[in-house]
N, C-alpha and C. Protein backbone atom coordinates (compact mmCIF):
# COMPACT_ATOMS: atom_id res chain seq x y z
N MET A 1 6.43 -39.62 5.49
CA MET A 1 7.38 -41.44 6.07
C MET A 1 5.84 -42.10 7.05
N LYS A 2 5.96 -43.29 6.54
CA LYS A 2 4.79 -43.82 7.05
C LYS A 2 4.88 -45.31 7.95
N LEU A 3 4.45 -45.46 8.75
CA LEU A 3 4.82 -45.56 9.83
C LEU A 3 3.60 -46.79 10.25
N GLY A 4 3.65 -48.25 10.54
CA GLY A 4 3.06 -49.36 10.58
C GLY A 4 4.09 -51.13 10.81
N ILE A 5 3.30 -51.70 11.42
CA ILE A 5 3.72 -53.25 11.55
C ILE A 5 3.55 -53.77 10.66
N ASP A 6 4.69 -53.77 10.42
CA ASP A 6 4.83 -55.11 8.37
C ASP A 6 5.04 -56.89 8.98
N TRP A 7 4.21 -57.02 10.23
CA TRP A 7 4.54 -59.17 9.71
C TRP A 7 5.13 -59.96 9.53
N SER A 8 5.07 -59.37 7.41
CA SER A 8 6.36 -60.54 7.36
C SER A 8 7.48 -60.12 6.80
N GLN A 9 8.30 -58.67 7.45
CA GLN A 9 9.38 -58.97 7.94
C GLN A 9 9.55 -59.81 9.00
N ASN A 10 11.19 -60.17 8.73
CA ASN A 10 11.20 -61.23 10.11
C ASN A 10 11.77 -59.76 11.53
N SER A 11 12.29 -59.28 10.82
CA SER A 11 12.88 -58.08 12.02
C SER A 11 11.92 -58.06 12.85
N THR A 12 10.65 -57.57 12.83
CA THR A 12 9.26 -57.25 12.98
C THR A 12 9.10 -58.71 14.25
N LYS A 13 9.29 -59.72 13.61
CA LYS A 13 8.80 -60.64 15.03
C LYS A 13 9.63 -60.86 16.21
N ARG A 14 11.00 -61.02 15.14
CA ARG A 14 12.54 -60.58 16.23
C ARG A 14 12.33 -59.10 17.40
N GLY A 15 11.61 -58.43 16.47
CA GLY A 15 11.98 -56.85 17.23
C GLY A 15 10.57 -57.19 18.29
N ALA A 16 9.63 -57.96 18.19
CA ALA A 16 8.13 -58.21 19.34
C ALA A 16 8.88 -58.64 20.46
N ILE A 17 9.44 -60.42 19.81
CA ILE A 17 10.63 -60.90 20.89
C ILE A 17 11.07 -59.72 21.79
N TRP A 18 11.95 -59.83 21.35
CA TRP A 18 12.59 -58.56 22.74
C TRP A 18 12.00 -57.64 22.98
N LEU A 19 10.97 -56.79 22.61
CA LEU A 19 10.12 -56.05 22.95
C LEU A 19 9.11 -56.56 24.26
N ILE A 20 9.25 -57.88 24.40
CA ILE A 20 7.67 -59.25 24.91
C ILE A 20 9.11 -58.93 26.18
N ALA A 21 10.42 -59.96 25.89
CA ALA A 21 11.53 -60.37 26.98
C ALA A 21 11.26 -58.40 27.30
N GLY A 22 11.85 -57.81 26.84
CA GLY A 22 11.84 -56.51 27.67
C GLY A 22 11.15 -56.31 28.84
N LEU A 23 9.74 -56.15 28.01
CA LEU A 23 9.32 -55.60 29.39
C LEU A 23 8.51 -57.16 30.51
N LEU A 24 8.74 -57.60 30.19
CA LEU A 24 8.70 -58.69 31.54
C LEU A 24 10.11 -59.13 31.80
N GLY A 25 11.32 -58.56 31.57
CA GLY A 25 12.24 -58.22 32.01
C GLY A 25 11.95 -56.97 33.66
N ILE A 26 11.22 -55.90 32.99
CA ILE A 26 11.28 -55.22 33.93
C ILE A 26 10.40 -55.26 34.78
N TYR A 27 9.10 -55.82 34.54
CA TYR A 27 8.35 -56.31 34.90
C TYR A 27 8.92 -56.94 36.71
N TYR A 28 9.37 -57.77 36.13
CA TYR A 28 10.10 -58.51 37.35
C TYR A 28 10.92 -58.63 38.03
N SER A 29 11.55 -57.58 37.61
CA SER A 29 13.12 -56.53 37.75
C SER A 29 13.15 -55.86 39.48
N TRP A 30 11.55 -55.15 39.31
CA TRP A 30 10.87 -54.73 40.31
C TRP A 30 10.94 -55.46 40.72
N GLY A 31 10.15 -56.59 41.05
CA GLY A 31 10.15 -57.34 42.10
C GLY A 31 11.76 -58.14 43.32
N THR A 32 11.99 -59.48 42.77
CA THR A 32 13.19 -60.06 44.12
C THR A 32 14.01 -61.48 43.45
N HIS A 33 12.75 -61.37 41.51
CA HIS A 33 13.11 -62.22 40.50
C HIS A 33 14.09 -62.45 39.80
N ASP A 34 15.55 -62.61 39.53
CA ASP A 34 15.78 -62.94 38.70
C ASP A 34 15.61 -63.20 37.15
N VAL A 35 16.16 -62.00 36.11
CA VAL A 35 15.61 -62.12 34.83
C VAL A 35 16.72 -62.83 33.86
N ASN A 36 17.02 -63.53 35.20
CA ASN A 36 18.74 -63.48 33.50
C ASN A 36 18.40 -64.80 32.55
N GLN A 37 17.56 -65.81 33.68
CA GLN A 37 16.55 -67.64 32.38
C GLN A 37 16.05 -66.47 31.70
N LEU A 38 15.14 -65.63 31.82
CA LEU A 38 14.12 -65.48 30.89
C LEU A 38 14.99 -64.43 29.50
N LEU A 39 15.76 -63.78 29.71
CA LEU A 39 16.68 -63.30 29.15
C LEU A 39 17.08 -64.45 28.41
N SER A 40 17.93 -64.91 28.64
CA SER A 40 18.52 -66.46 27.43
C SER A 40 17.57 -67.00 26.94
N VAL A 41 16.93 -67.70 27.70
CA VAL A 41 14.96 -67.84 26.05
C VAL A 41 14.83 -66.93 25.35
N ALA A 42 14.84 -65.55 25.63
CA ALA A 42 14.10 -64.13 24.65
C ALA A 42 15.00 -64.29 23.38
N SER A 43 17.19 -64.67 24.01
CA SER A 43 17.79 -64.33 23.07
C SER A 43 17.48 -65.62 22.36
N ALA A 44 17.48 -66.85 22.45
CA ALA A 44 18.38 -68.38 22.10
C ALA A 44 16.71 -68.29 21.36
N VAL A 45 15.48 -67.42 21.45
CA VAL A 45 14.60 -67.63 20.61
C VAL A 45 14.48 -66.97 19.56
N ALA A 46 14.79 -65.26 19.68
CA ALA A 46 15.15 -64.54 18.58
C ALA A 46 16.11 -64.69 17.88
N GLY A 47 17.13 -65.06 18.24
CA GLY A 47 18.49 -66.09 17.37
C GLY A 47 17.89 -67.29 16.22
N GLY A 48 17.51 -68.89 17.18
CA GLY A 48 16.89 -69.36 16.15
C GLY A 48 15.92 -68.10 15.51
N LEU A 49 15.04 -68.02 15.41
CA LEU A 49 15.16 -66.86 13.81
C LEU A 49 15.39 -66.15 13.41
N GLY A 50 16.65 -65.95 13.61
CA GLY A 50 17.16 -65.25 12.91
C GLY A 50 18.02 -66.17 12.05
N VAL A 51 18.80 -67.70 12.18
CA VAL A 51 19.64 -68.56 11.73
C VAL A 51 18.09 -69.12 10.94
N GLY A 52 17.22 -69.00 11.11
CA GLY A 52 16.37 -70.11 10.64
C GLY A 52 15.28 -69.51 9.83
N ILE A 53 15.09 -68.40 9.80
CA ILE A 53 14.25 -68.21 8.72
C ILE A 53 14.70 -67.36 7.68
N LYS A 54 14.76 -68.24 6.38
CA LYS A 54 14.88 -67.37 5.30
C LYS A 54 14.63 -65.65 4.87
N ASP A 55 15.52 -64.57 4.27
CA ASP A 55 15.33 -63.14 4.55
C ASP A 55 14.58 -62.52 3.22
């Protein structure tokens, strides 16, 4: 099994968006910040990439 990041795959790009949003959400949730807007934007971007980019 070969591990690596293949940036030509659309699922990798969507996964990277979710990973960044998740890490930012964890960071901000340790404070008193609300992360609902962050997750809404991340889901809109990831969903837009999923619908707009041809597989």
